[in-house]
């Protein structure tokens, strides 16, 4: 699916994959996040063929111009998982709302593991 809006310049349509790439980039730039985790078989195939996909480990659902985001990440050893997750949620919500102009309803962070 995708989200769309209309303004003075015309109609703007943003796909879920575009939003997922923005979320992945924001997550990888966040303090305490070491990597995103592949959750789909197609993501695993992309890793085998060395395609660097920033949307790996990100699920985006859009419904009625609201965005729902789910991430699967590894965190850095020695950092508070709760504070890293809260900071990541705020960063993603702000970044996606600024990018799309739509409301981010939910951001779920799934910490799969810890890397040293």
N, C-alpha and C. Protein backbone atom coordinates (compact mmCIF):
# COMPACT_ATOMS: atom_id res chain seq x y z
N UNK A 1 0.84 -1.18 0.00
CA UNK A 1 0.00 0.00 0.00
C UNK A 1 0.88 1.24 0.00
N UNK A 2 0.25 2.37 0.02
CA UNK A 2 0.99 3.63 0.04
C UNK A 2 0.11 4.70 0.68
N UNK A 3 0.75 5.79 1.05
CA UNK A 3 0.02 6.94 1.58
C UNK A 3 0.03 8.03 0.53
N UNK A 4 -0.99 8.84 0.53
CA UNK A 4 -1.04 9.91 -0.45
C UNK A 4 -1.61 11.17 0.19
N UNK A 5 -1.22 12.27 -0.36
CA UNK A 5 -1.71 13.56 0.10
C UNK A 5 -1.80 14.49 -1.11
N UNK A 6 -2.59 15.48 -0.99
CA UNK A 6 -2.74 16.46 -2.06
C UNK A 6 -2.46 17.84 -1.49
N UNK A 7 -1.66 18.60 -2.21
CA UNK A 7 -1.39 19.97 -1.80
C UNK A 7 -1.46 20.88 -3.01
N UNK A 8 -0.94 22.07 -2.89
CA UNK A 8 -0.98 23.07 -3.95
C UNK A 8 -0.30 22.58 -5.22
N UNK A 9 0.74 21.76 -5.08
CA UNK A 9 1.52 21.30 -6.22
C UNK A 9 0.92 20.08 -6.91
N UNK A 10 0.00 19.39 -6.26
CA UNK A 10 -0.61 18.19 -6.84
C UNK A 10 -0.69 17.07 -5.84
N UNK A 11 -0.85 15.85 -6.38
CA UNK A 11 -0.99 14.67 -5.53
C UNK A 11 0.37 14.03 -5.32
N UNK A 12 0.66 13.65 -4.08
CA UNK A 12 1.93 13.01 -3.73
C UNK A 12 1.61 11.62 -3.18
N UNK A 13 2.25 10.61 -3.75
CA UNK A 13 2.07 9.24 -3.29
C UNK A 13 3.42 8.72 -2.82
N UNK A 14 3.46 8.18 -1.59
CA UNK A 14 4.69 7.65 -1.01
C UNK A 14 4.47 6.17 -0.72
N UNK A 15 5.30 5.31 -1.29
CA UNK A 15 5.12 3.87 -1.10
C UNK A 15 5.65 3.44 0.26
N UNK A 16 5.19 2.27 0.69
CA UNK A 16 5.65 1.71 1.95
C UNK A 16 7.15 1.42 1.90
N UNK A 17 7.65 1.00 0.74
CA UNK A 17 9.08 0.70 0.61
C UNK A 17 9.93 1.96 0.79
N UNK A 18 9.46 3.09 0.28
CA UNK A 18 10.19 4.35 0.47
C UNK A 18 10.23 4.73 1.95
N UNK A 19 9.12 4.55 2.64
CA UNK A 19 9.08 4.85 4.07
C UNK A 19 10.00 3.89 4.83
N UNK A 20 10.00 2.61 4.43
CA UNK A 20 10.85 1.61 5.08
C UNK A 20 12.33 1.95 4.91
N UNK A 21 12.72 2.46 3.76
CA UNK A 21 14.12 2.84 3.54
C UNK A 21 14.51 4.02 4.43
N UNK A 22 13.61 4.97 4.60
CA UNK A 22 13.89 6.10 5.49
C UNK A 22 14.01 5.61 6.93
N UNK A 23 13.11 4.71 7.35
CA UNK A 23 13.15 4.17 8.71
C UNK A 23 14.46 3.42 8.94
N UNK A 24 14.87 2.59 7.97
CA UNK A 24 16.11 1.84 8.10
C UNK A 24 17.32 2.74 8.22
N UNK A 25 17.36 3.79 7.42
CA UNK A 25 18.48 4.74 7.49
C UNK A 25 18.51 5.46 8.83
N UNK A 26 17.35 5.89 9.31
CA UNK A 26 17.29 6.55 10.62
C UNK A 26 17.72 5.60 11.73
N UNK A 27 17.31 4.34 11.64
CA UNK A 27 17.66 3.37 12.67
C UNK A 27 19.15 3.11 12.70
N UNK A 28 19.76 2.93 11.53
CA UNK A 28 21.19 2.63 11.48
C UNK A 28 22.05 3.81 11.94
N UNK A 29 21.52 5.01 11.85
CA UNK A 29 22.25 6.20 12.29
C UNK A 29 22.04 6.48 13.78
N UNK A 30 21.17 5.73 14.43
CA UNK A 30 20.86 5.95 15.84
C UNK A 30 21.92 5.35 16.74
N UNK A 31 22.13 5.99 17.87
CA UNK A 31 23.11 5.52 18.86
C UNK A 31 22.58 4.24 19.50
N UNK A 32 23.42 3.22 19.55
CA UNK A 32 23.06 1.98 20.21
C UNK A 32 22.53 0.91 19.29
N UNK A 33 22.22 1.23 18.05
CA UNK A 33 21.74 0.24 17.08
C UNK A 33 22.91 -0.19 16.22
N UNK A 34 23.18 -1.50 16.20
CA UNK A 34 24.31 -1.99 15.42
C UNK A 34 23.89 -2.53 14.06
N UNK A 35 22.69 -3.12 13.96
CA UNK A 35 22.28 -3.71 12.69
C UNK A 35 20.78 -3.95 12.69
N UNK A 36 20.23 -4.06 11.49
CA UNK A 36 18.84 -4.46 11.31
C UNK A 36 18.82 -5.95 11.00
N UNK A 37 17.76 -6.63 11.38
CA UNK A 37 17.67 -8.08 11.25
C UNK A 37 16.70 -8.43 10.13
N UNK A 38 17.12 -9.30 9.23
CA UNK A 38 16.25 -9.77 8.15
C UNK A 38 15.12 -10.58 8.73
N UNK A 39 13.90 -10.26 8.37
CA UNK A 39 12.74 -11.00 8.86
C UNK A 39 11.99 -11.68 7.72
N UNK A 40 12.38 -11.42 6.47
CA UNK A 40 11.73 -12.03 5.32
C UNK A 40 12.77 -12.78 4.50
N UNK A 41 12.32 -13.79 3.78
CA UNK A 41 13.22 -14.57 2.94
C UNK A 41 13.85 -13.71 1.86
N UNK A 42 13.11 -12.76 1.29
CA UNK A 42 13.66 -11.90 0.25
C UNK A 42 14.79 -11.02 0.79
N UNK A 43 14.69 -10.61 2.05
CA UNK A 43 15.78 -9.85 2.67
C UNK A 43 17.03 -10.71 2.81
N UNK A 44 16.84 -11.97 3.17
CA UNK A 44 17.99 -12.87 3.30
C UNK A 44 18.65 -13.09 1.96
N UNK A 45 17.88 -13.22 0.89
CA UNK A 45 18.46 -13.37 -0.45
C UNK A 45 19.24 -12.13 -0.85
N UNK A 46 18.72 -10.97 -0.52
CA UNK A 46 19.42 -9.72 -0.84
C UNK A 46 20.75 -9.66 -0.11
N UNK A 47 20.81 -10.17 1.13
CA UNK A 47 22.06 -10.21 1.88
C UNK A 47 23.07 -11.14 1.22
N UNK A 48 22.60 -12.27 0.70
CA UNK A 48 23.50 -13.22 0.03
C UNK A 48 24.15 -12.58 -1.19
N UNK A 49 23.38 -11.81 -1.93
CA UNK A 49 23.89 -11.18 -3.15
C UNK A 49 24.51 -9.81 -2.89
N UNK A 50 24.81 -9.51 -1.63
CA UNK A 50 25.50 -8.29 -1.21
C UNK A 50 24.78 -7.00 -1.62
N UNK A 51 23.49 -7.06 -1.69
CA UNK A 51 22.74 -5.83 -1.93
C UNK A 51 22.45 -5.20 -0.58
N UNK A 52 22.95 -4.00 -0.39
CA UNK A 52 22.76 -3.31 0.89
C UNK A 52 21.39 -2.65 0.89
N UNK A 53 20.45 -3.28 1.53
CA UNK A 53 19.09 -2.75 1.59
C UNK A 53 18.86 -2.14 2.96
N UNK A 54 18.57 -0.87 2.98
CA UNK A 54 18.35 -0.21 4.26
C UNK A 54 16.98 -0.53 4.84
N UNK A 55 16.12 -1.16 4.05
CA UNK A 55 14.79 -1.49 4.55
C UNK A 55 14.75 -2.89 5.17
N UNK A 56 15.89 -3.56 5.24
CA UNK A 56 15.95 -4.90 5.84
C UNK A 56 15.54 -4.80 7.31
N UNK A 57 14.65 -5.67 7.76
CA UNK A 57 14.22 -5.68 9.15
C UNK A 57 13.19 -4.63 9.49
N UNK A 58 12.59 -4.01 8.49
CA UNK A 58 11.59 -2.96 8.71
C UNK A 58 10.28 -3.37 8.04
N UNK A 59 9.20 -3.30 8.78
CA UNK A 59 7.87 -3.52 8.22
C UNK A 59 7.08 -2.23 8.37
N UNK A 60 6.46 -1.82 7.28
CA UNK A 60 5.65 -0.60 7.30
C UNK A 60 4.26 -0.94 6.79
N UNK A 61 3.25 -0.55 7.56
CA UNK A 61 1.86 -0.71 7.15
C UNK A 61 1.23 0.67 7.15
N UNK A 62 0.46 0.96 6.12
CA UNK A 62 -0.24 2.24 6.06
C UNK A 62 -1.73 1.96 5.96
N UNK A 63 -2.52 2.76 6.68
CA UNK A 63 -3.96 2.60 6.67
C UNK A 63 -4.58 3.95 6.99
N UNK A 64 -5.41 4.44 6.10
CA UNK A 64 -6.10 5.72 6.29
C UNK A 64 -5.13 6.84 6.62
N UNK A 65 -4.07 6.96 5.87
CA UNK A 65 -3.06 8.00 6.03
C UNK A 65 -2.38 8.00 7.40
N UNK A 66 -2.36 6.83 8.05
CA UNK A 66 -1.59 6.64 9.27
C UNK A 66 -0.55 5.58 8.98
N UNK A 67 0.60 5.72 9.61
CA UNK A 67 1.72 4.83 9.35
C UNK A 67 2.00 4.00 10.61
N UNK A 68 2.15 2.70 10.41
CA UNK A 68 2.48 1.76 11.48
C UNK A 68 3.82 1.13 11.12
N UNK A 69 4.77 1.17 12.04
CA UNK A 69 6.14 0.73 11.77
C UNK A 69 6.56 -0.33 12.78
N UNK A 70 7.24 -1.36 12.28
CA UNK A 70 7.80 -2.40 13.15
C UNK A 70 9.25 -2.64 12.72
N UNK A 71 10.17 -2.62 13.69
CA UNK A 71 11.60 -2.82 13.41
C UNK A 71 12.13 -4.02 14.17
N UNK A 72 13.10 -4.69 13.57
CA UNK A 72 13.81 -5.80 14.20
C UNK A 72 15.29 -5.43 14.18
N UNK A 73 15.88 -5.22 15.37
CA UNK A 73 17.23 -4.67 15.46
C UNK A 73 18.11 -5.45 16.44
N UNK A 74 19.42 -5.24 16.28
CA UNK A 74 20.43 -5.63 17.26
C UNK A 74 20.89 -4.36 17.95
N UNK A 75 21.09 -4.43 19.27
CA UNK A 75 21.62 -3.28 19.99
C UNK A 75 23.07 -3.51 20.39
N UNK A 76 23.70 -2.44 20.79
CA UNK A 76 25.10 -2.48 21.20
C UNK A 76 25.20 -2.95 22.66
N UNK A 77 26.17 -3.81 22.93
CA UNK A 77 26.38 -4.34 24.28
C UNK A 77 26.73 -3.20 25.24
N UNK A 78 26.15 -3.24 26.43
CA UNK A 78 26.46 -2.26 27.46
C UNK A 78 25.55 -1.06 27.48
N UNK A 79 24.63 -0.97 26.52
CA UNK A 79 23.72 0.17 26.48
C UNK A 79 22.35 -0.27 27.00
N UNK A 80 21.64 0.65 27.59
CA UNK A 80 20.30 0.36 28.09
C UNK A 80 19.35 0.13 26.92
N UNK A 81 18.77 -1.06 26.86
CA UNK A 81 17.87 -1.39 25.76
C UNK A 81 16.65 -0.47 25.78
N UNK A 82 16.16 -0.17 26.97
CA UNK A 82 14.98 0.69 27.08
C UNK A 82 15.25 2.09 26.55
N UNK A 83 16.38 2.69 26.95
CA UNK A 83 16.66 4.06 26.49
C UNK A 83 16.97 4.10 25.00
N UNK A 84 17.67 3.09 24.50
CA UNK A 84 17.95 3.03 23.05
C UNK A 84 16.64 2.91 22.29
N UNK A 85 15.73 2.06 22.76
CA UNK A 85 14.45 1.86 22.09
C UNK A 85 13.59 3.13 22.11
N UNK A 86 13.54 3.80 23.25
CA UNK A 86 12.74 5.03 23.35
C UNK A 86 13.29 6.13 22.44
N UNK A 87 14.62 6.29 22.42
CA UNK A 87 15.23 7.29 21.55
C UNK A 87 14.98 6.95 20.08
N UNK A 88 15.06 5.66 19.74
CA UNK A 88 14.83 5.24 18.36
C UNK A 88 13.38 5.49 17.95
N UNK A 89 12.44 5.21 18.84
CA UNK A 89 11.03 5.47 18.54
C UNK A 89 10.79 6.94 18.24
N UNK A 90 11.32 7.81 19.10
CA UNK A 90 11.14 9.25 18.91
C UNK A 90 11.77 9.72 17.61
N UNK A 91 12.98 9.22 17.33
CA UNK A 91 13.69 9.63 16.11
C UNK A 91 12.93 9.19 14.86
N UNK A 92 12.43 7.96 14.87
CA UNK A 92 11.71 7.45 13.71
C UNK A 92 10.38 8.16 13.53
N UNK A 93 9.67 8.37 14.62
CA UNK A 93 8.39 9.06 14.51
C UNK A 93 8.57 10.46 13.94
N UNK A 94 9.52 11.20 14.48
CA UNK A 94 9.77 12.56 14.00
C UNK A 94 10.23 12.55 12.54
N UNK A 95 11.17 11.67 12.21
CA UNK A 95 11.71 11.62 10.85
C UNK A 95 10.68 11.24 9.81
N UNK A 96 9.85 10.25 10.09
CA UNK A 96 8.84 9.82 9.13
C UNK A 96 7.73 10.85 9.00
N UNK A 97 7.32 11.44 10.11
CA UNK A 97 6.29 12.48 10.02
C UNK A 97 6.79 13.69 9.24
N UNK A 98 8.05 14.02 9.40
CA UNK A 98 8.63 15.13 8.64
C UNK A 98 8.75 14.77 7.16
N UNK A 99 9.13 13.53 6.87
CA UNK A 99 9.31 13.07 5.49
C UNK A 99 7.99 12.94 4.75
N UNK A 100 6.98 12.36 5.39
CA UNK A 100 5.72 12.07 4.69
C UNK A 100 4.63 13.11 4.92
N UNK A 101 4.67 13.78 6.07
CA UNK A 101 3.58 14.68 6.42
C UNK A 101 2.38 13.93 6.96
N UNK A 102 2.54 12.61 7.19
CA UNK A 102 1.47 11.77 7.72
C UNK A 102 1.72 11.50 9.20
N UNK A 103 0.71 11.01 9.89
CA UNK A 103 0.82 10.71 11.31
C UNK A 103 1.36 9.30 11.50
N UNK A 104 2.41 9.17 12.31
CA UNK A 104 2.92 7.85 12.67
C UNK A 104 2.16 7.41 13.91
N UNK A 105 1.35 6.39 13.75
CA UNK A 105 0.50 5.92 14.84
C UNK A 105 1.27 5.04 15.82
N UNK A 106 2.05 4.08 15.30
CA UNK A 106 2.74 3.12 16.15
C UNK A 106 4.14 2.84 15.62
N UNK A 107 5.11 2.78 16.54
CA UNK A 107 6.47 2.32 16.23
C UNK A 107 6.80 1.22 17.23
N UNK A 108 6.92 -0.02 16.74
CA UNK A 108 7.28 -1.15 17.59
C UNK A 108 8.72 -1.54 17.33
N UNK A 109 9.52 -1.59 18.39
CA UNK A 109 10.93 -1.98 18.29
C UNK A 109 11.07 -3.38 18.87
N UNK A 110 11.58 -4.31 18.08
CA UNK A 110 11.85 -5.67 18.54
C UNK A 110 13.36 -5.86 18.59
N UNK A 111 13.91 -5.97 19.79
CA UNK A 111 15.34 -6.19 19.96
C UNK A 111 15.57 -7.68 19.88
N UNK A 112 16.24 -8.12 18.83
CA UNK A 112 16.48 -9.54 18.59
C UNK A 112 17.70 -10.04 19.34
N UNK A 113 18.69 -9.16 19.49
CA UNK A 113 19.90 -9.59 20.18
C UNK A 113 20.80 -8.41 20.49
N UNK A 114 21.96 -8.76 21.09
CA UNK A 114 22.95 -7.75 21.46
C UNK A 114 24.27 -8.13 20.80
N UNK A 115 24.94 -7.15 20.21
CA UNK A 115 26.24 -7.38 19.59
C UNK A 115 27.31 -6.62 20.35
N UNK A 116 28.47 -7.22 20.39
CA UNK A 116 29.60 -6.59 21.10
C UNK A 116 30.33 -5.64 20.19
